[in-house]
Amino acid sequence: MTAAPPDIIGRDEARALGLKRFFTGKPCRRGHVAERGVSNLECMECSRGRSREWRAANLKKARERARERARKYRAANPKKARERARERARKYRAANLEKVREREREYGRKRRTTNPGRVKEVRRAWHAANLEKVREGARERARKYRAADPERARENRRRWRAANLELAREGERERILRYNKRQAAQRRAGRAGSELKRSRTGRLVIEGNH
């Protein structure tokens, strides 16, 4: 869709209003119908063309100037700069999801190779702070694995049990103990509910006799 041209406004009127640009609707000597600068009468389209040419001829210097402008902007507007950076990162990730994930995996591989001790320390700290989340993730992965290849899952379980018999028995005793505790709690709750029901029924009968 073609953008609508700006409103007609003369140079003197634009200067009086404190504007930096004005627009007459007439083409410049190169045929551009575009806004012009109030201070120098320069056509904005010609200015952009010269900027592109200069950048192509002075790429290193142009990048350094852009970085310097970005540093100054971040120093003057830290909150807005952070929000803009996050928004750009979100858009880039959404548009290049597989590329971003591959880059993250590669970064993780390099980090584990160059600094394994630090990686393990960070991982242990995260696991300690998110223990329930870690356990739920492990359970979910185990469920998916068993559903995808139940025979192999059973074989792996048998091998693990044979290699870790005492640990397996201890785990079974622990599971049986937890199961018995749950059953006992349910029985106590059932008895308490029955006694409460009988007591209420007894009170109703007594009140009815009176």
N, C-alpha and C. Protein backbone atom coordinates (compact mmCIF):
# COMPACT_ATOMS: atom_id res chain seq x y z
N MET A 1 0.85 -1.18 0.00
CA MET A 1 0.00 0.00 0.00
C MET A 1 0.89 1.24 0.00
N THR A 2 0.61 2.21 -0.89
CA THR A 2 1.40 3.43 -1.00
C THR A 2 1.06 4.37 0.14
N ALA A 3 2.10 4.93 0.78
CA ALA A 3 1.88 5.86 1.89
C ALA A 3 1.38 7.18 1.35
N ALA A 4 0.50 7.83 2.09
CA ALA A 4 -0.04 9.13 1.70
C ALA A 4 1.06 10.19 1.81
N PRO A 5 1.14 11.14 0.86
CA PRO A 5 2.16 12.18 0.94
C PRO A 5 1.89 13.10 2.13
N PRO A 6 2.96 13.75 2.65
CA PRO A 6 2.76 14.65 3.79
C PRO A 6 1.97 15.89 3.36
N ASP A 7 1.46 16.59 4.35
CA ASP A 7 0.69 17.81 4.06
C ASP A 7 1.59 18.90 3.51
N ILE A 8 1.03 19.73 2.64
CA ILE A 8 1.78 20.86 2.08
C ILE A 8 2.02 21.90 3.19
N ILE A 9 3.28 22.27 3.37
CA ILE A 9 3.63 23.29 4.34
C ILE A 9 4.91 23.98 3.87
N GLY A 10 4.89 25.30 3.83
CA GLY A 10 6.04 26.04 3.36
C GLY A 10 7.17 26.08 4.37
N ARG A 11 8.33 26.55 3.87
CA ARG A 11 9.51 26.58 4.74
C ARG A 11 9.33 27.56 5.89
N ASP A 12 8.83 28.75 5.60
CA ASP A 12 8.66 29.77 6.64
C ASP A 12 7.67 29.31 7.71
N GLU A 13 6.58 28.70 7.26
CA GLU A 13 5.57 28.21 8.21
C GLU A 13 6.14 27.08 9.07
N ALA A 14 6.91 26.18 8.45
CA ALA A 14 7.51 25.08 9.20
C ALA A 14 8.50 25.61 10.23
N ARG A 15 9.31 26.63 9.83
CA ARG A 15 10.26 27.22 10.76
C ARG A 15 9.53 27.88 11.93
N ALA A 16 8.43 28.55 11.64
CA ALA A 16 7.66 29.21 12.69
C ALA A 16 7.07 28.20 13.67
N LEU A 17 6.74 27.01 13.16
CA LEU A 17 6.16 25.97 14.02
C LEU A 17 7.24 25.13 14.73
N GLY A 18 8.51 25.42 14.44
CA GLY A 18 9.59 24.66 15.07
C GLY A 18 9.85 23.32 14.43
N LEU A 19 9.39 23.14 13.17
CA LEU A 19 9.60 21.86 12.48
C LEU A 19 10.95 21.84 11.78
N LYS A 20 11.47 20.63 11.56
CA LYS A 20 12.76 20.49 10.90
C LYS A 20 12.62 20.26 9.40
N ARG A 21 11.40 19.95 8.95
CA ARG A 21 11.19 19.67 7.54
C ARG A 21 9.97 20.43 7.02
N PHE A 22 9.96 20.67 5.73
CA PHE A 22 8.78 21.24 5.08
C PHE A 22 8.52 20.48 3.79
N PHE A 23 7.35 20.71 3.17
CA PHE A 23 6.98 19.96 1.97
C PHE A 23 6.16 20.85 1.06
N THR A 24 6.64 20.98 -0.18
CA THR A 24 5.94 21.84 -1.15
C THR A 24 5.14 21.03 -2.17
N GLY A 25 5.44 19.74 -2.29
CA GLY A 25 4.78 18.93 -3.30
C GLY A 25 5.45 19.01 -4.67
N LYS A 26 6.53 19.80 -4.78
CA LYS A 26 7.24 19.94 -6.05
C LYS A 26 8.48 19.06 -6.06
N PRO A 27 8.86 18.52 -7.22
CA PRO A 27 10.03 17.64 -7.27
C PRO A 27 11.33 18.43 -7.15
N CYS A 28 12.35 17.75 -6.62
CA CYS A 28 13.68 18.35 -6.58
C CYS A 28 14.33 18.21 -7.95
N ARG A 29 15.59 18.65 -8.09
CA ARG A 29 16.24 18.60 -9.39
C ARG A 29 16.49 17.18 -9.86
N ARG A 30 16.44 16.20 -8.92
CA ARG A 30 16.59 14.79 -9.32
C ARG A 30 15.24 14.11 -9.49
N GLY A 31 14.17 14.85 -9.34
CA GLY A 31 12.84 14.31 -9.58
C GLY A 31 12.15 13.72 -8.36
N HIS A 32 12.75 13.86 -7.18
CA HIS A 32 12.13 13.31 -5.96
C HIS A 32 11.06 14.26 -5.44
N VAL A 33 9.87 13.75 -5.21
CA VAL A 33 8.82 14.53 -4.54
C VAL A 33 8.86 14.11 -3.09
N ALA A 34 9.60 14.84 -2.28
CA ALA A 34 9.84 14.44 -0.89
C ALA A 34 9.98 15.68 -0.01
N GLU A 35 10.01 15.46 1.28
CA GLU A 35 10.22 16.56 2.22
C GLU A 35 11.64 17.13 2.06
N ARG A 36 11.79 18.39 2.52
CA ARG A 36 13.10 19.03 2.48
C ARG A 36 13.44 19.56 3.87
N GLY A 37 14.72 19.72 4.12
CA GLY A 37 15.16 20.23 5.40
C GLY A 37 14.96 21.73 5.50
N VAL A 38 14.46 22.19 6.62
CA VAL A 38 14.25 23.63 6.83
C VAL A 38 15.57 24.38 6.83
N SER A 39 16.59 23.78 7.43
CA SER A 39 17.87 24.50 7.60
C SER A 39 18.68 24.60 6.31
N ASN A 40 18.59 23.61 5.42
CA ASN A 40 19.47 23.59 4.24
C ASN A 40 18.74 23.36 2.92
N LEU A 41 17.42 23.27 2.94
CA LEU A 41 16.61 23.05 1.74
C LEU A 41 16.89 21.70 1.06
N GLU A 42 17.58 20.80 1.74
CA GLU A 42 17.99 19.53 1.13
C GLU A 42 16.82 18.58 1.01
N CYS A 43 16.72 17.91 -0.13
CA CYS A 43 15.71 16.88 -0.36
C CYS A 43 16.05 15.66 0.50
N MET A 44 15.09 15.16 1.26
CA MET A 44 15.35 14.05 2.17
C MET A 44 15.67 12.77 1.43
N GLU A 45 15.08 12.57 0.25
CA GLU A 45 15.36 11.37 -0.51
C GLU A 45 16.78 11.42 -1.06
N CYS A 46 17.23 12.61 -1.51
CA CYS A 46 18.62 12.75 -1.96
C CYS A 46 19.58 12.52 -0.80
N SER A 47 19.22 13.02 0.38
CA SER A 47 20.06 12.86 1.56
C SER A 47 20.20 11.38 1.92
N ARG A 48 19.09 10.64 1.87
CA ARG A 48 19.15 9.21 2.19
C ARG A 48 20.00 8.46 1.16
N GLY A 49 19.91 8.86 -0.12
CA GLY A 49 20.72 8.22 -1.14
C GLY A 49 22.21 8.45 -0.91
N ARG A 50 22.59 9.69 -0.56
CA ARG A 50 23.99 9.97 -0.27
C ARG A 50 24.47 9.21 0.96
N SER A 51 23.58 9.08 1.97
CA SER A 51 23.94 8.33 3.17
C SER A 51 24.21 6.87 2.85
N ARG A 52 23.37 6.27 1.99
CA ARG A 52 23.59 4.87 1.60
C ARG A 52 24.91 4.71 0.85
N GLU A 53 25.20 5.65 -0.05
CA GLU A 53 26.46 5.58 -0.79
C GLU A 53 27.66 5.71 0.14
N TRP A 54 27.58 6.66 1.07
CA TRP A 54 28.69 6.86 2.00
C TRP A 54 28.89 5.63 2.87
N ARG A 55 27.79 5.03 3.31
CA ARG A 55 27.89 3.85 4.17
C ARG A 55 28.54 2.69 3.42
N ALA A 56 28.15 2.52 2.16
CA ALA A 56 28.73 1.44 1.37
C ALA A 56 30.23 1.65 1.18
N ALA A 57 30.66 2.90 1.07
CA ALA A 57 32.08 3.19 0.86
C ALA A 57 32.87 3.24 2.17
N ASN A 58 32.18 3.42 3.29
CA ASN A 58 32.86 3.57 4.59
C ASN A 58 32.17 2.70 5.64
N LEU A 59 32.07 1.41 5.35
CA LEU A 59 31.26 0.52 6.17
C LEU A 59 31.76 0.45 7.61
N LYS A 60 33.07 0.31 7.81
CA LYS A 60 33.62 0.19 9.15
C LYS A 60 33.35 1.44 9.98
N LYS A 61 33.58 2.61 9.39
CA LYS A 61 33.34 3.86 10.09
C LYS A 61 31.85 4.06 10.38
N ALA A 62 31.00 3.66 9.42
CA ALA A 62 29.56 3.79 9.61
C ALA A 62 29.07 2.94 10.77
N ARG A 63 29.61 1.71 10.87
CA ARG A 63 29.21 0.84 11.98
C ARG A 63 29.66 1.39 13.32
N GLU A 64 30.88 1.94 13.35
CA GLU A 64 31.37 2.53 14.60
C GLU A 64 30.51 3.72 15.02
N ARG A 65 30.11 4.55 14.05
CA ARG A 65 29.23 5.68 14.38
C ARG A 65 27.88 5.20 14.89
N ALA A 66 27.36 4.14 14.26
CA ALA A 66 26.08 3.59 14.70
C ALA A 66 26.19 3.04 16.12
N ARG A 67 27.28 2.34 16.42
CA ARG A 67 27.48 1.83 17.78
C ARG A 67 27.59 2.95 18.79
N GLU A 68 28.27 4.02 18.42
CA GLU A 68 28.41 5.16 19.33
C GLU A 68 27.06 5.82 19.60
N ARG A 69 26.26 5.98 18.54
CA ARG A 69 24.92 6.53 18.74
C ARG A 69 24.08 5.62 19.65
N ALA A 70 24.21 4.30 19.45
CA ALA A 70 23.46 3.35 20.28
C ALA A 70 23.90 3.43 21.74
N ARG A 71 25.22 3.56 21.97
CA ARG A 71 25.71 3.68 23.36
C ARG A 71 25.16 4.92 24.03
N LYS A 72 25.18 6.04 23.31
CA LYS A 72 24.65 7.29 23.87
C LYS A 72 23.15 7.19 24.16
N TYR A 73 22.42 6.54 23.24
CA TYR A 73 20.98 6.39 23.45
C TYR A 73 20.69 5.52 24.67
N ARG A 74 21.45 4.40 24.80
CA ARG A 74 21.24 3.53 25.96
C ARG A 74 21.57 4.24 27.26
N ALA A 75 22.62 5.06 27.25
CA ALA A 75 22.98 5.80 28.46
C ALA A 75 21.91 6.82 28.83
N ALA A 76 21.29 7.44 27.82
CA ALA A 76 20.27 8.47 28.09
C ALA A 76 18.89 7.87 28.34
N ASN A 77 18.62 6.67 27.79
CA ASN A 77 17.29 6.04 27.90
C ASN A 77 17.43 4.56 28.24
N PRO A 78 17.98 4.20 29.41
CA PRO A 78 18.25 2.78 29.70
C PRO A 78 17.02 1.90 29.71
N LYS A 79 15.93 2.38 30.31
CA LYS A 79 14.72 1.56 30.40
C LYS A 79 14.12 1.31 29.02
N LYS A 80 13.98 2.37 28.23
CA LYS A 80 13.42 2.23 26.89
C LYS A 80 14.32 1.37 26.00
N ALA A 81 15.65 1.54 26.16
CA ALA A 81 16.59 0.76 25.35
C ALA A 81 16.47 -0.73 25.66
N ARG A 82 16.33 -1.06 26.96
CA ARG A 82 16.19 -2.48 27.33
C ARG A 82 14.91 -3.06 26.76
N GLU A 83 13.82 -2.30 26.82
CA GLU A 83 12.55 -2.79 26.30
C GLU A 83 12.62 -2.99 24.78
N ARG A 84 13.27 -2.07 24.09
CA ARG A 84 13.42 -2.22 22.63
C ARG A 84 14.26 -3.44 22.29
N ALA A 85 15.33 -3.64 23.06
CA ALA A 85 16.20 -4.80 22.82
C ALA A 85 15.45 -6.10 23.04
N ARG A 86 14.64 -6.17 24.12
CA ARG A 86 13.84 -7.37 24.38
C ARG A 86 12.83 -7.62 23.28
N GLU A 87 12.21 -6.55 22.79
CA GLU A 87 11.22 -6.69 21.74
C GLU A 87 11.87 -7.18 20.44
N ARG A 88 13.04 -6.63 20.11
CA ARG A 88 13.76 -7.10 18.92
C ARG A 88 14.15 -8.57 19.07
N ALA A 89 14.60 -8.95 20.27
CA ALA A 89 14.99 -10.34 20.51
C ALA A 89 13.79 -11.27 20.38
N ARG A 90 12.61 -10.85 20.91
CA ARG A 90 11.41 -11.68 20.79
C ARG A 90 11.01 -11.88 19.33
N LYS A 91 11.04 -10.80 18.56
CA LYS A 91 10.66 -10.90 17.15
C LYS A 91 11.64 -11.78 16.37
N TYR A 92 12.93 -11.60 16.64
CA TYR A 92 13.93 -12.40 15.93
C TYR A 92 13.79 -13.87 16.28
N ARG A 93 13.57 -14.16 17.57
CA ARG A 93 13.42 -15.56 17.98
C ARG A 93 12.21 -16.20 17.34
N ALA A 94 11.09 -15.44 17.29
CA ALA A 94 9.86 -15.99 16.68
C ALA A 94 10.06 -16.25 15.18
N ALA A 95 10.84 -15.39 14.51
CA ALA A 95 11.04 -15.54 13.06
C ALA A 95 12.14 -16.55 12.72
N ASN A 96 13.04 -16.84 13.69
CA ASN A 96 14.19 -17.72 13.42
C ASN A 96 14.35 -18.74 14.54
N LEU A 97 13.26 -19.40 14.90
CA LEU A 97 13.26 -20.25 16.09
C LEU A 97 14.27 -21.39 16.01
N GLU A 98 14.29 -22.12 14.89
CA GLU A 98 15.20 -23.25 14.77
C GLU A 98 16.66 -22.78 14.77
N LYS A 99 16.92 -21.68 14.11
CA LYS A 99 18.28 -21.13 14.07
C LYS A 99 18.74 -20.71 15.46
N VAL A 100 17.84 -20.08 16.22
CA VAL A 100 18.17 -19.66 17.58
C VAL A 100 18.44 -20.86 18.47
N ARG A 101 17.61 -21.90 18.37
CA ARG A 101 17.80 -23.10 19.19
C ARG A 101 19.13 -23.79 18.87
N GLU A 102 19.46 -23.86 17.58
CA GLU A 102 20.73 -24.48 17.20
C GLU A 102 21.90 -23.67 17.74
N ARG A 103 21.78 -22.35 17.70
CA ARG A 103 22.85 -21.50 18.25
C ARG A 103 22.97 -21.69 19.76
N GLU A 104 21.83 -21.82 20.44
CA GLU A 104 21.87 -22.05 21.88
C GLU A 104 22.50 -23.40 22.21
N ARG A 105 22.16 -24.43 21.42
CA ARG A 105 22.76 -25.74 21.64
C ARG A 105 24.27 -25.70 21.42
N GLU A 106 24.70 -25.00 20.37
CA GLU A 106 26.14 -24.89 20.09
C GLU A 106 26.85 -24.13 21.20
N TYR A 107 26.21 -23.07 21.69
CA TYR A 107 26.80 -22.30 22.80
C TYR A 107 26.93 -23.18 24.04
N GLY A 108 25.88 -23.99 24.30
CA GLY A 108 25.93 -24.89 25.45
C GLY A 108 27.05 -25.91 25.32
N ARG A 109 27.22 -26.47 24.12
CA ARG A 109 28.29 -27.45 23.91
C ARG A 109 29.67 -26.82 24.15
N LYS A 110 29.88 -25.62 23.61
CA LYS A 110 31.17 -24.95 23.79
C LYS A 110 31.42 -24.62 25.26
N ARG A 111 30.37 -24.15 25.93
CA ARG A 111 30.52 -23.78 27.34
C ARG A 111 30.83 -25.00 28.20
N ARG A 112 30.16 -26.13 27.92
CA ARG A 112 30.45 -27.34 28.68
C ARG A 112 31.88 -27.83 28.45
N THR A 113 32.40 -27.61 27.22
CA THR A 113 33.76 -28.04 26.90
C THR A 113 34.81 -27.14 27.56
N THR A 114 34.59 -25.83 27.51
CA THR A 114 35.60 -24.89 28.00
C THR A 114 35.52 -24.65 29.50
N ASN A 115 34.33 -24.80 30.08
CA ASN A 115 34.18 -24.50 31.51
C ASN A 115 33.22 -25.50 32.16
N PRO A 116 33.57 -26.79 32.19
CA PRO A 116 32.63 -27.81 32.70
C PRO A 116 32.30 -27.63 34.18
N GLY A 117 33.29 -27.20 34.98
CA GLY A 117 33.03 -27.03 36.41
C GLY A 117 31.97 -25.99 36.69
N ARG A 118 32.06 -24.85 36.01
CA ARG A 118 31.09 -23.77 36.19
C ARG A 118 29.70 -24.19 35.74
N VAL A 119 29.65 -24.93 34.61
CA VAL A 119 28.35 -25.40 34.10
C VAL A 119 27.68 -26.33 35.10
N LYS A 120 28.46 -27.24 35.68
CA LYS A 120 27.90 -28.17 36.66
C LYS A 120 27.42 -27.43 37.90
N GLU A 121 28.18 -26.42 38.32
CA GLU A 121 27.79 -25.65 39.51
C GLU A 121 26.47 -24.91 39.28
N VAL A 122 26.35 -24.27 38.10
CA VAL A 122 25.11 -23.56 37.77
C VAL A 122 23.95 -24.52 37.68
N ARG A 123 24.19 -25.70 37.08
CA ARG A 123 23.12 -26.70 36.93
C ARG A 123 22.66 -27.22 38.29
N ARG A 124 23.62 -27.50 39.19
CA ARG A 124 23.23 -27.97 40.53
C ARG A 124 22.42 -26.92 41.28
N ALA A 125 22.84 -25.66 41.17
CA ALA A 125 22.12 -24.58 41.85
C ALA A 125 20.70 -24.46 41.29
N TRP A 126 20.55 -24.57 39.96
CA TRP A 126 19.22 -24.45 39.36
C TRP A 126 18.35 -25.63 39.78
N HIS A 127 18.91 -26.83 39.79
CA HIS A 127 18.15 -28.02 40.21
C HIS A 127 17.70 -27.88 41.66
N ALA A 128 18.58 -27.38 42.52
CA ALA A 128 18.21 -27.23 43.92
C ALA A 128 17.09 -26.22 44.10
N ALA A 129 17.09 -25.18 43.28
CA ALA A 129 16.06 -24.14 43.39
C ALA A 129 14.76 -24.52 42.69
N ASN A 130 14.80 -25.52 41.80
CA ASN A 130 13.61 -25.91 41.02
C ASN A 130 13.42 -27.43 41.07
N LEU A 131 13.50 -27.98 42.29
CA LEU A 131 13.51 -29.43 42.44
C LEU A 131 12.23 -30.08 41.92
N GLU A 132 11.09 -29.52 42.25
CA GLU A 132 9.82 -30.12 41.83
C GLU A 132 9.67 -30.05 40.31
N LYS A 133 10.11 -28.95 39.72
CA LYS A 133 10.05 -28.80 38.27
C LYS A 133 10.95 -29.84 37.59
N VAL A 134 12.13 -30.06 38.18
CA VAL A 134 13.07 -31.05 37.63
C VAL A 134 12.46 -32.45 37.70
N ARG A 135 11.86 -32.78 38.84
CA ARG A 135 11.25 -34.10 38.99
C ARG A 135 10.09 -34.31 38.03
N GLU A 136 9.28 -33.27 37.87
CA GLU A 136 8.14 -33.39 36.96
C GLU A 136 8.62 -33.58 35.53
N GLY A 137 9.70 -32.85 35.15
CA GLY A 137 10.27 -33.03 33.81
C GLY A 137 10.80 -34.43 33.60
N ALA A 138 11.47 -34.99 34.63
CA ALA A 138 11.99 -36.36 34.54
C ALA A 138 10.85 -37.36 34.40
N ARG A 139 9.78 -37.16 35.18
CA ARG A 139 8.63 -38.07 35.09
C ARG A 139 7.99 -38.01 33.71
N GLU A 140 7.87 -36.79 33.18
CA GLU A 140 7.25 -36.63 31.86
C GLU A 140 8.09 -37.29 30.77
N ARG A 141 9.43 -37.12 30.84
CA ARG A 141 10.30 -37.77 29.87
C ARG A 141 10.20 -39.29 29.99
N ALA A 142 10.13 -39.80 31.22
CA ALA A 142 10.01 -41.25 31.42
C ALA A 142 8.70 -41.77 30.85
N ARG A 143 7.61 -41.02 31.05
CA ARG A 143 6.31 -41.45 30.50
C ARG A 143 6.35 -41.52 28.97
N LYS A 144 6.95 -40.50 28.36
CA LYS A 144 7.04 -40.48 26.89
C LYS A 144 7.91 -41.63 26.39
N TYR A 145 9.01 -41.88 27.10
CA TYR A 145 9.91 -42.97 26.69
C TYR A 145 9.21 -44.31 26.79
N ARG A 146 8.50 -44.56 27.90
CA ARG A 146 7.80 -45.83 28.06
C ARG A 146 6.71 -46.00 27.01
N ALA A 147 6.01 -44.90 26.69
CA ALA A 147 4.95 -44.99 25.68
C ALA A 147 5.52 -45.24 24.29
N ALA A 148 6.69 -44.67 23.99
CA ALA A 148 7.28 -44.81 22.66
C ALA A 148 7.91 -46.18 22.45
N ASP A 149 8.51 -46.75 23.49
CA ASP A 149 9.19 -48.05 23.34
C ASP A 149 9.07 -48.83 24.65
N PRO A 150 7.90 -49.38 24.94
CA PRO A 150 7.68 -50.04 26.23
C PRO A 150 8.59 -51.24 26.47
N GLU A 151 8.87 -52.02 25.43
CA GLU A 151 9.72 -53.20 25.62
C GLU A 151 11.14 -52.80 26.01
N ARG A 152 11.68 -51.82 25.33
CA ARG A 152 13.03 -51.35 25.67
C ARG A 152 13.07 -50.74 27.06
N ALA A 153 12.00 -50.03 27.42
CA ALA A 153 11.93 -49.43 28.76
C ALA A 153 11.95 -50.51 29.84
N ARG A 154 11.19 -51.61 29.61
CA ARG A 154 11.17 -52.71 30.58
C ARG A 154 12.55 -53.38 30.68
N GLU A 155 13.21 -53.56 29.51
CA GLU A 155 14.53 -54.18 29.51
C GLU A 155 15.55 -53.31 30.26
N ASN A 156 15.50 -52.01 30.03
CA ASN A 156 16.41 -51.11 30.74
C ASN A 156 16.15 -51.13 32.24
N ARG A 157 14.88 -51.22 32.60
CA ARG A 157 14.54 -51.27 34.03
C ARG A 157 15.08 -52.56 34.67
N ARG A 158 14.95 -53.68 33.93
CA ARG A 158 15.47 -54.95 34.47
C ARG A 158 16.99 -54.88 34.64
N ARG A 159 17.67 -54.31 33.65
CA ARG A 159 19.13 -54.19 33.74
C ARG A 159 19.54 -53.30 34.91
N TRP A 160 18.84 -52.17 35.04
CA TRP A 160 19.17 -51.26 36.14
C TRP A 160 18.95 -51.94 37.49
N ARG A 161 17.86 -52.68 37.60
CA ARG A 161 17.57 -53.36 38.87
C ARG A 161 18.63 -54.41 39.19
N ALA A 162 19.07 -55.14 38.16
CA ALA A 162 20.11 -56.16 38.39
C ALA A 162 21.43 -55.52 38.82
N ALA A 163 21.74 -54.35 38.28
CA ALA A 163 23.00 -53.68 38.61
C ALA A 163 22.91 -52.89 39.91
N ASN A 164 21.68 -52.55 40.36
CA ASN A 164 21.51 -51.73 41.56
C ASN A 164 20.45 -52.36 42.47
N LEU A 165 20.65 -53.63 42.81
CA LEU A 165 19.62 -54.39 43.50
C LEU A 165 19.26 -53.79 44.85
N GLU A 166 20.26 -53.44 45.65
CA GLU A 166 19.99 -52.91 46.98
C GLU A 166 19.27 -51.57 46.89
N LEU A 167 19.70 -50.73 45.95
CA LEU A 167 19.05 -49.43 45.77
C LEU A 167 17.61 -49.60 45.29
N ALA A 168 17.39 -50.58 44.41
CA ALA A 168 16.04 -50.84 43.93
C ALA A 168 15.13 -51.31 45.06
N ARG A 169 15.65 -52.20 45.91
CA ARG A 169 14.86 -52.68 47.04
C ARG A 169 14.53 -51.55 48.01
N GLU A 170 15.52 -50.67 48.23
CA GLU A 170 15.27 -49.54 49.12
C GLU A 170 14.19 -48.63 48.54
N GLY A 171 14.22 -48.42 47.21
CA GLY A 171 13.18 -47.61 46.57
C GLY A 171 11.82 -48.25 46.69
N GLU A 172 11.76 -49.56 46.53
CA GLU A 172 10.49 -50.27 46.66
C GLU A 172 9.95 -50.17 48.08
N ARG A 173 10.85 -50.34 49.09
CA ARG A 173 10.40 -50.20 50.48
C ARG A 173 9.86 -48.79 50.74
N GLU A 174 10.54 -47.80 50.15
CA GLU A 174 10.10 -46.41 50.33
C GLU A 174 8.73 -46.19 49.69
N ARG A 175 8.53 -46.74 48.50
CA ARG A 175 7.23 -46.59 47.83
C ARG A 175 6.13 -47.30 48.61
N ILE A 176 6.43 -48.49 49.14
CA ILE A 176 5.43 -49.23 49.94
C ILE A 176 5.08 -48.45 51.19
N LEU A 177 6.11 -47.86 51.82
CA LEU A 177 5.86 -47.08 53.03
C LEU A 177 4.97 -45.87 52.73
N ARG A 178 5.26 -45.17 51.62
CA ARG A 178 4.43 -44.02 51.25
C ARG A 178 3.00 -44.45 50.95
N TYR A 179 2.88 -45.61 50.27
CA TYR A 179 1.54 -46.12 49.93
C TYR A 179 0.76 -46.44 51.21
N ASN A 180 1.41 -47.11 52.16
CA ASN A 180 0.74 -47.46 53.41
C ASN A 180 0.32 -46.23 54.20
N LYS A 181 1.19 -45.20 54.16
CA LYS A 181 0.84 -43.96 54.86
C LYS A 181 -0.38 -43.31 54.24
N ARG A 182 -0.43 -43.31 52.90
CA ARG A 182 -1.61 -42.73 52.23
C ARG A 182 -2.87 -43.50 52.55
N GLN A 183 -2.76 -44.84 52.54
CA GLN A 183 -3.92 -45.66 52.86
C GLN A 183 -4.39 -45.43 54.29
N ALA A 184 -3.44 -45.34 55.22
CA ALA A 184 -3.81 -45.10 56.62
C ALA A 184 -4.47 -43.74 56.78
N ALA A 185 -3.94 -42.74 56.09
CA ALA A 185 -4.54 -41.40 56.17
C ALA A 185 -5.95 -41.42 55.61
N GLN A 186 -6.16 -42.14 54.50
CA GLN A 186 -7.50 -42.22 53.92
C GLN A 186 -8.47 -42.95 54.85
N ARG A 187 -7.98 -44.02 55.53
CA ARG A 187 -8.84 -44.74 56.47
C ARG A 187 -9.21 -43.85 57.65
N ARG A 188 -8.21 -43.09 58.17
CA ARG A 188 -8.52 -42.19 59.28
C ARG A 188 -9.53 -41.14 58.87
N ALA A 189 -9.35 -40.60 57.66
CA ALA A 189 -10.30 -39.59 57.18
C ALA A 189 -11.69 -40.19 57.02
N GLY A 190 -11.75 -41.45 56.53
CA GLY A 190 -13.05 -42.11 56.38
C GLY A 190 -13.73 -42.35 57.71
N ARG A 191 -12.94 -42.81 58.72
CA ARG A 191 -13.52 -43.03 60.05
C ARG A 191 -13.99 -41.72 60.67
N ALA A 192 -13.19 -40.66 60.51
CA ALA A 192 -13.58 -39.36 61.06
C ALA A 192 -14.87 -38.88 60.42
N GLY A 193 -14.99 -39.08 59.09
CA GLY A 193 -16.21 -38.67 58.42
C GLY A 193 -17.41 -39.47 58.89
N SER A 194 -17.22 -40.79 59.10
CA SER A 194 -18.33 -41.63 59.56
C SER A 194 -18.76 -41.23 60.97
N GLU A 195 -17.77 -40.99 61.87
CA GLU A 195 -18.11 -40.59 63.23
C GLU A 195 -18.84 -39.26 63.25
N LEU A 196 -18.39 -38.32 62.39
CA LEU A 196 -19.06 -37.02 62.33
C LEU A 196 -20.48 -37.18 61.84
N LYS A 197 -20.69 -38.06 60.86
CA LYS A 197 -22.03 -38.28 60.33
C LYS A 197 -22.93 -38.90 61.39
N ARG A 198 -22.36 -39.90 62.16
CA ARG A 198 -23.17 -40.54 63.21
C ARG A 198 -23.52 -39.54 64.30
N SER A 199 -22.55 -38.69 64.66
CA SER A 199 -22.83 -37.72 65.73
C SER A 199 -23.90 -36.74 65.29
N ARG A 200 -23.85 -36.32 64.03
CA ARG A 200 -24.88 -35.39 63.55
C ARG A 200 -26.23 -36.07 63.50
N THR A 201 -26.25 -37.35 63.07
CA THR A 201 -27.51 -38.09 63.02
C THR A 201 -28.09 -38.26 64.42
N GLY A 202 -27.18 -38.56 65.42
CA GLY A 202 -27.64 -38.71 66.80
C GLY A 202 -28.24 -37.43 67.33
N ARG A 203 -27.61 -36.30 67.03
CA ARG A 203 -28.15 -35.02 67.51
C ARG A 203 -29.51 -34.75 66.88
N LEU A 204 -29.66 -35.09 65.60
CA LEU A 204 -30.93 -34.86 64.95
C LEU A 204 -32.05 -35.69 65.58
N VAL A 205 -31.69 -36.97 65.92
CA VAL A 205 -32.69 -37.85 66.53
C VAL A 205 -33.09 -37.31 67.90
N ILE A 206 -32.09 -36.90 68.72
CA ILE A 206 -32.39 -36.37 70.05
C ILE A 206 -33.23 -35.12 69.95
N GLU A 207 -32.87 -34.23 69.04
CA GLU A 207 -33.64 -32.99 68.90
C GLU A 207 -35.05 -33.29 68.42
N GLY A 208 -35.21 -34.32 67.58
CA GLY A 208 -36.54 -34.69 67.09
C GLY A 208 -37.41 -35.23 68.21
N ASN A 209 -36.80 -36.02 69.14
CA ASN A 209 -37.57 -36.57 70.26
C ASN A 209 -38.03 -35.46 71.19
N HIS A 210 -37.13 -34.44 71.35
CA HIS A 210 -37.55 -33.34 72.21
C HIS A 210 -38.63 -32.52 71.54
